[in-house]
Each structure stands twice: as C-alpha cells, then as structure tokens.
C-alpha atoms as a PDB file:
ATOM      1  CA  UNK A   1     -16.745 -20.824  10.980  1.00  0.00           C
ATOM      2  CA  UNK A   2     -15.876 -18.065  13.371  1.00  0.00           C
ATOM      3  CA  UNK A   3     -18.136 -15.151  14.141  1.00  0.00           C
ATOM      4  CA  UNK A   4     -17.596 -11.921  12.258  1.00  0.00           C
ATOM      5  CA  UNK A   5     -16.589 -10.316  15.490  1.00  0.00           C
ATOM      6  CA  UNK A   6     -13.755 -12.729  16.152  1.00  0.00           C
ATOM      7  CA  UNK A   7     -12.827 -12.827  12.436  1.00  0.00           C
ATOM      8  CA  UNK A   8     -12.534  -8.981  12.400  1.00  0.00           C
ATOM      9  CA  UNK A   9     -10.207  -8.884  15.372  1.00  0.00           C
ATOM     10  CA  UNK A  10      -7.516 -10.934  13.668  1.00  0.00           C
ATOM     11  CA  UNK A  11      -4.960 -10.014  11.098  1.00  0.00           C
ATOM     12  CA  UNK A  12      -4.015 -11.972   8.011  1.00  0.00           C
ATOM     13  CA  UNK A  13      -3.311 -15.720   8.429  1.00  0.00           C
ATOM     14  CA  UNK A  14      -0.276 -15.335   6.074  1.00  0.00           C
ATOM     15  CA  UNK A  15       2.611 -17.564   7.182  1.00  0.00           C
ATOM     16  CA  UNK A  16       5.591 -16.115   9.166  1.00  0.00           C
ATOM     17  CA  UNK A  17       8.089 -16.693   6.296  1.00  0.00           C
ATOM     18  CA  UNK A  18       5.928 -14.822   3.801  1.00  0.00           C
ATOM     19  CA  UNK A  19       5.518 -11.935   6.267  1.00  0.00           C
ATOM     20  CA  UNK A  20       9.314 -11.886   6.792  1.00  0.00           C
ATOM     21  CA  UNK A  21       9.831 -11.760   3.014  1.00  0.00           C
ATOM     22  CA  UNK A  22       7.426  -8.719   2.822  1.00  0.00           C
ATOM     23  CA  UNK A  23       9.317  -7.121   5.735  1.00  0.00           C
ATOM     24  CA  UNK A  24      12.672  -7.575   3.913  1.00  0.00           C
ATOM     25  CA  UNK A  25      11.142  -6.086   0.747  1.00  0.00           C
ATOM     26  CA  UNK A  26       9.766  -3.241   2.899  1.00  0.00           C
ATOM     27  CA  UNK A  27      13.195  -2.540   4.407  1.00  0.00           C
ATOM     28  CA  UNK A  28      14.826  -2.520   0.962  1.00  0.00           C
ATOM     29  CA  UNK A  29      12.094  -0.175  -0.377  1.00  0.00           C
ATOM     30  CA  UNK A  30      12.367   2.117   2.608  1.00  0.00           C
ATOM     31  CA  UNK A  31      16.103   2.582   1.993  1.00  0.00           C
ATOM     32  CA  UNK A  32      15.488   3.184  -1.725  1.00  0.00           C
ATOM     33  CA  UNK A  33      12.711   5.740  -1.083  1.00  0.00           C
ATOM     34  CA  UNK A  34      14.913   7.655   1.380  1.00  0.00           C
ATOM     35  CA  UNK A  35      17.813   7.486  -1.058  1.00  0.00           C
ATOM     36  CA  UNK A  36      15.638   8.944  -3.844  1.00  0.00           C
ATOM     37  CA  UNK A  37      14.314  11.713  -1.572  1.00  0.00           C
ATOM     38  CA  UNK A  38      17.773  12.738  -0.473  1.00  0.00           C
ATOM     39  CA  UNK A  39      19.294  12.443  -3.932  1.00  0.00           C
ATOM     40  CA  UNK A  40      16.648  14.435  -5.762  1.00  0.00           C
ATOM     41  CA  UNK A  41      14.979  16.574  -3.051  1.00  0.00           C
ATOM     42  CA  UNK A  42      12.361  19.115  -4.312  1.00  0.00           C
ATOM     43  CA  UNK A  43       9.078  17.500  -5.345  1.00  0.00           C
ATOM     44  CA  UNK A  44      10.379  14.021  -4.684  1.00  0.00           C
ATOM     45  CA  UNK A  45      10.070  14.459  -0.866  1.00  0.00           C
ATOM     46  CA  UNK A  46       6.352  15.380  -0.682  1.00  0.00           C
ATOM     47  CA  UNK A  47       5.370  12.914  -3.394  1.00  0.00           C
ATOM     48  CA  UNK A  48       7.330  10.171  -1.628  1.00  0.00           C
ATOM     49  CA  UNK A  49       5.458  10.955   1.630  1.00  0.00           C
ATOM     50  CA  UNK A  50       2.147  11.181  -0.276  1.00  0.00           C
ATOM     51  CA  UNK A  51       2.826   7.816  -2.002  1.00  0.00           C
ATOM     52  CA  UNK A  52       3.275   6.244   1.400  1.00  0.00           C
ATOM     53  CA  UNK A  53      -0.029   7.579   2.937  1.00  0.00           C
ATOM     54  CA  UNK A  54      -2.115   7.632  -0.299  1.00  0.00           C
ATOM     55  CA  UNK A  55      -3.356   3.975  -0.188  1.00  0.00           C
ATOM     56  CA  UNK A  56      -4.987   4.502   3.175  1.00  0.00           C
ATOM     57  CA  UNK A  57      -6.972   7.488   1.890  1.00  0.00           C
ATOM     58  CA  UNK A  58      -9.157   4.759   0.321  1.00  0.00           C
ATOM     59  CA  UNK A  59     -10.629   4.339   3.783  1.00  0.00           C
ATOM     60  CA  UNK A  60     -12.625   7.501   3.111  1.00  0.00           C
ATOM     61  CA  UNK A  61     -14.151   6.245  -0.165  1.00  0.00           C
ATOM     62  CA  UNK A  62     -17.607   4.956   0.570  1.00  0.00           C
ATOM     63  CA  UNK A  63     -16.913   5.127   4.305  1.00  0.00           C
ATOM     64  CA  UNK A  64     -20.520   5.431   5.335  1.00  0.00           C
ATOM     65  CA  UNK A  65     -22.496   2.307   6.052  1.00  0.00           C
ATOM     66  CA  UNK A  66     -22.921  -0.174   8.812  1.00  0.00           C
ATOM     67  CA  UNK A  67     -19.854  -2.031   9.882  1.00  0.00           C
ATOM     68  CA  UNK A  68     -18.200  -3.514  12.950  1.00  0.00           C
ATOM     69  CA  UNK A  69     -14.871  -2.739  14.501  1.00  0.00           C
ATOM     70  CA  UNK A  70     -12.194  -4.212  12.224  1.00  0.00           C
ATOM     71  CA  UNK A  71     -14.532  -4.368   9.261  1.00  0.00           C
ATOM     72  CA  UNK A  72     -14.570  -2.017   6.269  1.00  0.00           C
ATOM     73  CA  UNK A  73     -17.878  -0.735   4.897  1.00  0.00           C
ATOM     74  CA  UNK A  74     -18.783  -2.567   1.764  1.00  0.00           C
ATOM     75  CA  UNK A  75     -18.335   0.621  -0.354  1.00  0.00           C
ATOM     76  CA  UNK A  76     -14.718   0.934   0.805  1.00  0.00           C
ATOM     77  CA  UNK A  77     -13.671  -2.649   0.115  1.00  0.00           C
ATOM     78  CA  UNK A  78     -13.253  -2.261  -3.707  1.00  0.00           C
ATOM     79  CA  UNK A  79     -11.134   0.898  -3.675  1.00  0.00           C
ATOM     80  CA  UNK A  80      -9.109  -0.394  -0.709  1.00  0.00           C
ATOM     81  CA  UNK A  81      -8.284  -3.697  -2.363  1.00  0.00           C
ATOM     82  CA  UNK A  82      -7.498  -1.935  -5.636  1.00  0.00           C
ATOM     83  CA  UNK A  83      -4.855   0.349  -4.160  1.00  0.00           C
ATOM     84  CA  UNK A  84      -3.434  -2.380  -1.889  1.00  0.00           C
ATOM     85  CA  UNK A  85      -2.361  -4.645  -4.688  1.00  0.00           C
ATOM     86  CA  UNK A  86       1.375  -4.511  -5.721  1.00  0.00           C
ATOM     87  CA  UNK A  87       0.455  -4.433  -9.469  1.00  0.00           C
ATOM     88  CA  UNK A  88      -0.699  -0.766  -9.182  1.00  0.00           C
ATOM     89  CA  UNK A  89       2.598   0.752  -8.091  1.00  0.00           C
ATOM     90  CA  UNK A  90       4.533  -1.533 -10.391  1.00  0.00           C
ATOM     91  CA  UNK A  91       2.572  -0.374 -13.352  1.00  0.00           C
ATOM     92  CA  UNK A  92       2.878   3.233 -12.184  1.00  0.00           C
ATOM     93  CA  UNK A  93       6.678   2.988 -11.909  1.00  0.00           C
ATOM     94  CA  UNK A  94       6.922   1.223 -15.284  1.00  0.00           C
ATOM     95  CA  UNK A  95       4.861   3.873 -17.085  1.00  0.00           C
ATOM     96  CA  UNK A  96       6.758   6.785 -15.398  1.00  0.00           C
ATOM     97  CA  UNK A  97      10.121   5.187 -16.323  1.00  0.00           C
ATOM     98  CA  UNK A  98       8.997   4.735 -19.930  1.00  0.00           C
ATOM     99  CA  UNK A  99       7.731   8.297 -20.266  1.00  0.00           C
ATOM    100  CA  UNK A 100      10.849   9.884 -18.842  1.00  0.00           C
ATOM    101  CA  UNK A 101      12.906  12.036 -21.201  1.00  0.00           C
ATOM    102  CA  UNK A 102      16.165  11.376 -19.269  1.00  0.00           C
ATOM    103  CA  UNK A 103      17.695  10.249 -15.917  1.00  0.00           C
ATOM    104  CA  UNK A 104      16.104  11.931 -13.067  1.00  0.00           C
ATOM    105  CA  UNK A 105      13.250  13.358 -15.166  1.00  0.00           C
ATOM    106  CA  UNK A 106      10.742  11.047 -13.502  1.00  0.00           C
ATOM    107  CA  UNK A 107      12.207  10.947  -9.980  1.00  0.00           C
ATOM    108  CA  UNK A 108       9.141  12.444  -8.207  1.00  0.00           C
ATOM    109  CA  UNK A 109       6.399  10.244  -9.772  1.00  0.00           C
ATOM    110  CA  UNK A 110       8.686   7.169  -9.619  1.00  0.00           C
ATOM    111  CA  UNK A 111       9.369   7.707  -5.912  1.00  0.00           C
ATOM    112  CA  UNK A 112       5.645   8.071  -5.423  1.00  0.00           C
ATOM    113  CA  UNK A 113       5.280   4.543  -6.792  1.00  0.00           C
ATOM    114  CA  UNK A 114       8.164   3.263  -4.626  1.00  0.00           C
ATOM    115  CA  UNK A 115       6.597   4.672  -1.524  1.00  0.00           C
ATOM    116  CA  UNK A 116       3.237   3.245  -2.516  1.00  0.00           C
ATOM    117  CA  UNK A 117       4.804  -0.247  -2.872  1.00  0.00           C
ATOM    118  CA  UNK A 118       6.590   0.324   0.463  1.00  0.00           C
ATOM    119  CA  UNK A 119       3.199   0.912   2.044  1.00  0.00           C
ATOM    120  CA  UNK A 120       1.880  -2.323   0.688  1.00  0.00           C
ATOM    121  CA  UNK A 121       4.914  -4.304   1.728  1.00  0.00           C
ATOM    122  CA  UNK A 122       4.757  -2.951   5.308  1.00  0.00           C
ATOM    123  CA  UNK A 123       0.986  -3.677   5.448  1.00  0.00           C
ATOM    124  CA  UNK A 124       1.672  -7.279   4.413  1.00  0.00           C
ATOM    125  CA  UNK A 125       4.533  -7.648   6.782  1.00  0.00           C
ATOM    126  CA  UNK A 126       2.355  -6.405   9.698  1.00  0.00           C
ATOM    127  CA  UNK A 127      -0.382  -8.931   8.723  1.00  0.00           C
ATOM    128  CA  UNK A 128      -2.750  -6.515   6.930  1.00  0.00           C
ATOM    129  CA  UNK A 129      -3.866  -7.832   3.643  1.00  0.00           C
ATOM    130  CA  UNK A 130      -6.779  -7.528   1.187  1.00  0.00           C
ATOM    131  CA  UNK A 131     -10.300  -7.591   2.473  1.00  0.00           C
ATOM    132  CA  UNK A 132     -13.168  -9.913   1.632  1.00  0.00           C
ATOM    133  CA  UNK A 133     -16.226  -8.586  -0.102  1.00  0.00           C
ATOM    134  CA  UNK A 134     -17.940  -8.035   3.296  1.00  0.00           C
ATOM    135  CA  UNK A 135     -14.926  -6.025   4.619  1.00  0.00           C
ATOM    136  CA  UNK A 136     -13.090  -8.514   6.828  1.00  0.00           C
ATOM    137  CA  UNK A 137      -9.364  -9.435   6.658  1.00  0.00           C
ATOM    138  CA  UNK A 138      -8.770 -12.404   4.383  1.00  0.00           C
END
C-alpha cells in the first residue's frame, strides 16, 4: 500500500480508453451547451456557466479540518461525491424536461444540467474522479 502522500499526488487510475470516452462525451456536451446558450440567450447563459462551476463549490462545504495536499477534508467528501456523480444532472434534466410547458420553456434549467454533466465528464477525462471516505482520489 502506498503512503497517503503518494496516493494523494496521483489522479484516478481509470484506463485510457475510459478517459477518452469521457473526453468525447465532454466535447459533445460542450458543443450542446454552447448551442443552447447561443440559441436561447437570456438566463440560459448565466445558468450554463453556473452549472459548469457549481459542482466545485462543494469544496467549500465542510472545508475545515486537517488534510494533506491533494486530500479533501472528511466533511467535504460526501457533498463532493454527491455532486460529482452523473445521476444528479441526468435526474435534474429529466425533471426539468418533464415539468416544461412547451419547447424552450425549460432551456435555462436544462442547460444548467447539461453544463453540470459537462463538468463531470471533463473531470473524469482529466483523471479526477470520486474520493474515498478519507478524501483521496479513488
């Protein structure tokens, strides 16, 4: 077993082909998010940007506590892992699509979900995945 210091310095051990698949999904989602922002404008643009950065706001939840470089504090791990799972944005997009009264009615919240999923795909493509209970990369 490696020491926590060495473990924390590495990224996910996910295979290259899986990371390439995440990168391809990320490229597709990026094009889709930009398309939706240009098509609908208005509130779609800030919600799209917010959807992309919002998952990393989980770093501030429970951020106090002892931890090493590359390790999340224990109080941050749960919220971080929760918002970095693809099921969250997929459920969000499904619910917003089902609640819409008509085409384009849900563009802003739907784009928020797309951008959130884009964030997750790009994290996975770059080797950042979910964290263990003690805050290290899996």
